[in-house]
Amino acid sequence: MSRIIVVTGGAGDIGRALCARFLRDGHRVAILDRDAGALDRAVDALGPSENLLPVVADVTDGVSVRGAIAQVEKTLGPIGVLVNNAGGVVSPTLRTTSEDAWLSDIELNLNGAWRCASAVQDGMIARRSGTILNISSVNGFGIYGYPAYSAAKAGLAQLTRFLAVELGAYGIRANAIAPGSVKTQAWKARVEQNPEIFERLKRWYPLGDVCVPEDIAGVAAFLLGPDARMITGVVLPVDGGLSVGSATMAREFCGADF
């Protein structure tokens, strides 16, 4: 069944992969991003489609969010799915995190998702159907650097649970995906400094590999589909087993090779 899906942060690698998958599955997609130039490039990469609507919107601005949602509904129709994908990081440690950096990460990664969910929930309640999918991170339940981002992602997991419980009576589901490392352009500078960075990262993952954006899009497609109709309030790690444990660390602790 075709649905109208809003994807925030759509110009990034994961955002584009989400939009590409949803378009391929026959949905109508509104791709939102605050960077107009990046949004244009994303639309070009996705290719021409009458089912794709680009909208410049900043999730840290309530007026911008409400305007974008109104534009989507006027152009495409009632929104069936919201994917809160917009996110980013600033400072890697507590000591390097200024107050402005802390607040910036919270605004983008947590408050932005709340604004978008608040903007669509009344329509979903009235129609007694809808799905909200939040892109969280394993940083939300482990210590992998970036404290403000991690705190925001932990809050996003709890927001997901609240949405699931409070909106469930109206037929609305809310879930989150928590990726581990994902090969995106966000790693570009570090890869240029150290081309072997992903090979070094892989040794911490039980599956011996890290995600690509299409891995996240595939899980999102499942969670939005009919086979997931009884799944709500879940924060699903898509991390190659990173959050379960590390064979590399286990070998160091017990001195055995397995």
Protein backbone atom coordinates (compact mmCIF):
# COMPACT_ATOMS: atom_id res chain seq x y z
CA MET A 1 0.00 0.00 0.00
CA SER A 2 1.40 3.37 -1.03
CA ARG A 3 1.91 5.85 1.80
CA ILE A 4 3.08 9.43 2.12
CA ILE A 5 6.40 9.44 3.97
CA VAL A 6 8.33 12.42 5.37
CA VAL A 7 12.09 11.93 5.77
CA THR A 8 14.01 14.60 7.65
CA GLY A 9 17.74 15.04 7.07
CA GLY A 10 17.05 13.58 3.66
CA ALA A 11 20.09 15.06 1.91
CA GLY A 12 22.57 12.95 3.89
CA ASP A 13 23.70 9.48 2.88
CA ILE A 14 21.28 7.63 5.17
CA GLY A 15 18.47 10.03 4.24
CA ARG A 16 19.01 9.43 0.54
CA ALA A 17 19.10 5.67 1.05
CA LEU A 18 15.82 5.84 2.98
CA CYS A 19 14.16 7.92 0.26
CA ALA A 20 15.47 5.65 -2.50
CA ARG A 21 14.11 2.56 -0.77
CA PHE A 22 10.71 4.12 -0.09
CA LEU A 23 10.39 5.32 -3.68
CA ARG A 24 11.36 1.88 -4.94
CA ASP A 25 8.65 0.38 -2.74
CA GLY A 26 6.05 2.63 -4.37
CA HIS A 27 5.58 5.30 -1.71
CA ARG A 28 5.35 9.07 -2.13
CA VAL A 29 8.21 10.76 -0.31
CA ALA A 30 8.79 14.26 1.02
CA ILE A 31 12.54 14.75 1.45
CA LEU A 32 13.32 17.49 3.99
CA ASP A 33 16.66 19.13 4.70
CA ARG A 34 17.82 22.54 5.88
CA ASP A 35 20.64 22.71 3.31
CA ALA A 36 19.01 23.75 0.04
CA GLY A 37 22.09 22.97 -2.05
CA ALA A 38 22.51 19.51 -0.55
CA LEU A 39 18.80 18.91 -1.02
CA ASP A 40 19.07 19.73 -4.73
CA ARG A 41 22.00 17.33 -5.09
CA ALA A 42 20.09 14.59 -3.28
CA VAL A 43 17.09 15.02 -5.56
CA ASP A 44 19.39 14.84 -8.61
CA ALA A 45 20.96 11.66 -7.25
CA LEU A 46 17.57 10.07 -6.61
CA GLY A 47 16.47 10.93 -10.13
CA PRO A 48 13.30 12.57 -11.42
CA SER A 49 10.11 11.27 -9.84
CA GLU A 50 6.62 12.64 -9.49
CA ASN A 51 6.53 10.85 -6.14
CA LEU A 52 9.37 12.90 -4.63
CA LEU A 53 8.79 16.31 -3.04
CA PRO A 54 11.83 18.32 -1.83
CA VAL A 55 11.17 20.74 1.02
CA VAL A 56 13.71 23.01 2.69
CA ALA A 57 13.08 22.77 6.42
CA ASP A 58 15.06 23.18 9.64
CA VAL A 59 13.98 20.80 12.42
CA THR A 60 15.49 23.13 15.05
CA ASP A 61 12.89 25.77 14.12
CA GLY A 62 9.26 25.09 15.04
CA VAL A 63 7.87 27.54 12.48
CA SER A 64 9.93 25.90 9.74
CA VAL A 65 8.74 22.43 10.75
CA ARG A 66 5.07 23.35 10.85
CA GLY A 67 5.36 25.12 7.51
CA ALA A 68 7.04 22.11 5.92
CA ILE A 69 4.42 19.69 7.21
CA ALA A 70 1.63 21.96 5.92
CA GLN A 71 3.35 22.10 2.52
CA VAL A 72 3.65 18.32 2.34
CA GLU A 73 0.02 17.77 3.24
CA LYS A 74 -1.16 20.39 0.76
CA THR A 75 0.94 18.93 -2.06
CA LEU A 76 0.93 15.19 -1.40
CA GLY A 77 -1.87 14.62 1.10
CA PRO A 78 -2.14 13.20 4.64
CA ILE A 79 1.17 12.04 6.09
CA GLY A 80 1.23 8.36 6.94
CA VAL A 81 4.84 8.03 8.06
CA LEU A 82 7.38 10.34 9.69
CA VAL A 83 11.04 9.30 9.68
CA ASN A 84 13.08 11.47 12.04
CA ASN A 85 16.49 11.04 10.45
CA ALA A 86 18.00 14.53 10.84
CA GLY A 87 21.06 14.44 13.08
CA GLY A 88 24.69 15.30 13.50
CA VAL A 89 27.55 15.66 15.98
CA VAL A 90 29.78 18.49 17.17
CA SER A 91 32.32 17.65 19.89
CA PRO A 92 33.78 14.21 20.67
CA THR A 93 34.48 14.61 24.41
CA LEU A 94 33.01 16.30 27.46
CA ARG A 95 36.08 18.48 27.83
CA THR A 96 35.76 19.84 24.29
CA THR A 97 32.00 20.37 24.45
CA SER A 98 30.97 23.99 24.99
CA GLU A 99 27.52 24.98 26.16
CA ASP A 100 26.62 26.06 22.63
CA ALA A 101 27.81 22.73 21.22
CA TRP A 102 25.84 20.78 23.82
CA LEU A 103 22.63 22.70 23.15
CA SER A 104 23.14 22.45 19.39
CA ASP A 105 23.34 18.65 19.50
CA ILE A 106 20.28 18.39 21.74
CA GLU A 107 18.29 20.72 19.48
CA LEU A 108 19.11 18.83 16.31
CA ASN A 109 19.07 15.23 17.50
CA LEU A 110 16.29 15.25 20.11
CA ASN A 111 14.19 18.41 20.10
CA GLY A 112 13.96 18.35 16.30
CA ALA A 113 12.43 14.88 16.38
CA TRP A 114 9.96 16.00 19.04
CA ARG A 115 8.95 19.02 16.93
CA CYS A 116 8.32 16.89 13.88
CA ALA A 117 6.38 14.25 15.81
CA SER A 118 4.28 16.98 17.41
CA ALA A 119 3.55 18.47 14.00
CA VAL A 120 2.19 15.22 12.54
CA GLN A 121 0.56 13.54 15.52
CA ASP A 122 -2.77 15.39 15.45
CA GLY A 123 -3.40 14.35 11.86
CA MET A 124 -2.42 10.77 12.61
CA ILE A 125 -4.67 10.73 15.68
CA ALA A 126 -7.60 12.03 13.64
CA ARG A 127 -7.06 9.29 11.02
CA ARG A 128 -6.31 6.70 13.73
CA SER A 129 -3.25 5.47 11.87
CA GLY A 130 0.36 6.37 11.32
CA THR A 131 3.95 5.38 11.95
CA ILE A 132 6.82 7.34 13.46
CA LEU A 133 10.33 6.00 12.99
CA ASN A 134 13.25 7.63 14.76
CA ILE A 135 16.85 7.10 13.69
CA SER A 136 18.68 6.83 17.00
CA SER A 137 22.18 5.40 17.57
CA VAL A 138 24.05 2.85 19.65
CA ASN A 139 25.57 5.95 21.25
CA GLY A 140 22.26 6.22 23.09
CA PHE A 141 23.07 3.19 25.24
CA GLY A 142 26.85 2.90 25.11
CA ILE A 143 29.91 5.10 25.45
CA TYR A 144 31.38 5.63 21.99
CA GLY A 145 32.27 9.33 22.18
CA TYR A 146 30.25 12.47 21.42
CA PRO A 147 28.50 12.99 24.79
CA ALA A 148 25.89 15.56 23.75
CA TYR A 149 24.91 13.53 20.68
CA SER A 150 24.78 10.40 22.83
CA ALA A 151 22.60 12.05 25.47
CA ALA A 152 20.24 13.25 22.74
CA LYS A 153 20.02 9.77 21.20
CA ALA A 154 19.30 8.26 24.61
CA GLY A 155 16.50 10.79 24.99
CA LEU A 156 15.25 9.91 21.51
CA ALA A 157 14.92 6.28 22.57
CA GLN A 158 12.78 7.32 25.53
CA LEU A 159 10.73 9.67 23.34
CA THR A 160 10.09 6.70 21.05
CA ARG A 161 8.69 4.72 23.95
CA PHE A 162 6.45 7.58 25.05
CA LEU A 163 5.10 7.99 21.53
CA ALA A 164 4.39 4.27 21.32
CA VAL A 165 2.51 4.17 24.62
CA GLU A 166 0.56 7.43 24.35
CA LEU A 167 -0.36 7.13 20.67
CA GLY A 168 -0.88 3.38 20.46
CA ALA A 169 -4.58 3.65 21.24
CA TYR A 170 -4.99 5.62 18.00
CA GLY A 171 -3.36 2.95 15.86
CA ILE A 172 -0.04 4.80 15.70
CA ARG A 173 3.21 2.87 15.99
CA ALA A 174 6.56 4.36 17.01
CA ASN A 175 9.92 2.61 16.76
CA ALA A 176 13.58 3.54 16.49
CA ILE A 177 16.61 2.17 14.69
CA ALA A 178 19.96 2.44 16.48
CA PRO A 179 22.78 2.13 13.93
CA GLY A 180 26.38 1.50 14.80
CA SER A 181 29.07 2.90 12.52
CA VAL A 182 27.72 3.60 9.04
CA LYS A 183 29.91 4.30 5.99
CA THR A 184 28.83 7.82 5.08
CA GLN A 185 30.42 11.09 3.96
CA ALA A 186 30.48 12.13 7.63
CA TRP A 187 33.59 9.95 7.90
CA LYS A 188 35.29 11.61 4.92
CA ALA A 189 37.82 13.69 6.87
CA ARG A 190 38.83 10.77 9.10
CA VAL A 191 39.16 8.42 6.14
CA GLU A 192 41.40 10.95 4.39
CA GLN A 193 43.59 11.11 7.50
CA ASN A 194 43.52 7.34 8.01
CA PRO A 195 42.34 5.23 5.04
CA GLU A 196 42.35 2.14 7.27
CA ILE A 197 39.86 3.53 9.80
CA PHE A 198 37.03 1.20 8.83
CA GLU A 199 39.29 -1.84 8.91
CA ARG A 200 40.27 -0.83 12.45
CA LEU A 201 36.63 -0.36 13.43
CA LYS A 202 35.53 -3.70 12.03
CA ARG A 203 37.54 -5.66 14.61
CA TRP A 204 35.17 -4.44 17.34
CA TYR A 205 32.09 -5.78 15.56
CA PRO A 206 31.10 -9.44 16.01
CA LEU A 207 30.07 -9.61 12.34
CA GLY A 208 33.40 -8.10 11.29
CA ASP A 209 31.82 -5.34 9.25
CA VAL A 210 30.06 -1.99 9.58
CA CYS A 211 26.81 -0.78 8.07
CA VAL A 212 26.17 0.95 4.79
CA PRO A 213 23.19 3.32 4.46
CA GLU A 214 21.16 0.70 2.59
CA ASP A 215 21.27 -1.55 5.67
CA ILE A 216 19.40 1.10 7.64
CA ALA A 217 16.93 1.67 4.81
CA GLY A 218 16.13 -2.04 4.58
CA VAL A 219 15.31 -2.29 8.29
CA ALA A 220 13.24 0.90 8.04
CA ALA A 221 11.23 -0.62 5.18
CA PHE A 222 10.49 -3.66 7.35
CA LEU A 223 9.43 -1.59 10.38
CA LEU A 224 7.06 0.45 8.22
CA GLY A 225 5.57 -2.61 6.56
CA PRO A 226 2.67 -4.92 7.43
CA ASP A 227 4.91 -7.64 8.88
CA ALA A 228 5.81 -5.23 11.69
CA ARG A 229 2.22 -4.30 12.56
CA MET A 230 2.61 -5.52 16.17
CA ILE A 231 6.00 -3.94 16.76
CA THR A 232 6.00 -0.65 18.62
CA GLY A 233 8.16 1.02 21.25
CA VAL A 234 11.23 -0.89 20.08
CA VAL A 235 14.73 0.56 19.75
CA LEU A 236 16.37 -1.88 17.34
CA PRO A 237 20.18 -1.96 17.10
CA VAL A 238 21.45 -2.35 13.54
CA ASP A 239 25.10 -2.52 14.46
CA GLY A 240 26.67 -5.83 13.51
CA GLY A 241 26.51 -6.90 17.14
CA LEU A 242 28.55 -4.01 18.57
CA SER A 243 26.11 -3.31 21.40
CA VAL A 244 26.04 -7.00 22.40
CA GLY A 245 29.75 -7.29 23.02
CA SER A 246 33.13 -7.61 21.39
CA ALA A 247 35.09 -10.79 20.74
CA THR A 248 38.22 -8.62 20.62
CA MET A 249 37.62 -7.44 24.18
CA ALA A 250 36.47 -10.86 25.35
CA ARG A 251 39.73 -12.41 24.12
CA GLU A 252 41.68 -9.83 26.13
CA PHE A 253 39.69 -10.58 29.28
CA CYS A 254 39.72 -14.36 29.20
CA GLY A 255 42.87 -15.06 27.22
CA ALA A 256 41.11 -17.50 24.88
CA ASP A 257 40.84 -17.46 21.13
CA PHE A 258 37.28 -17.88 19.92
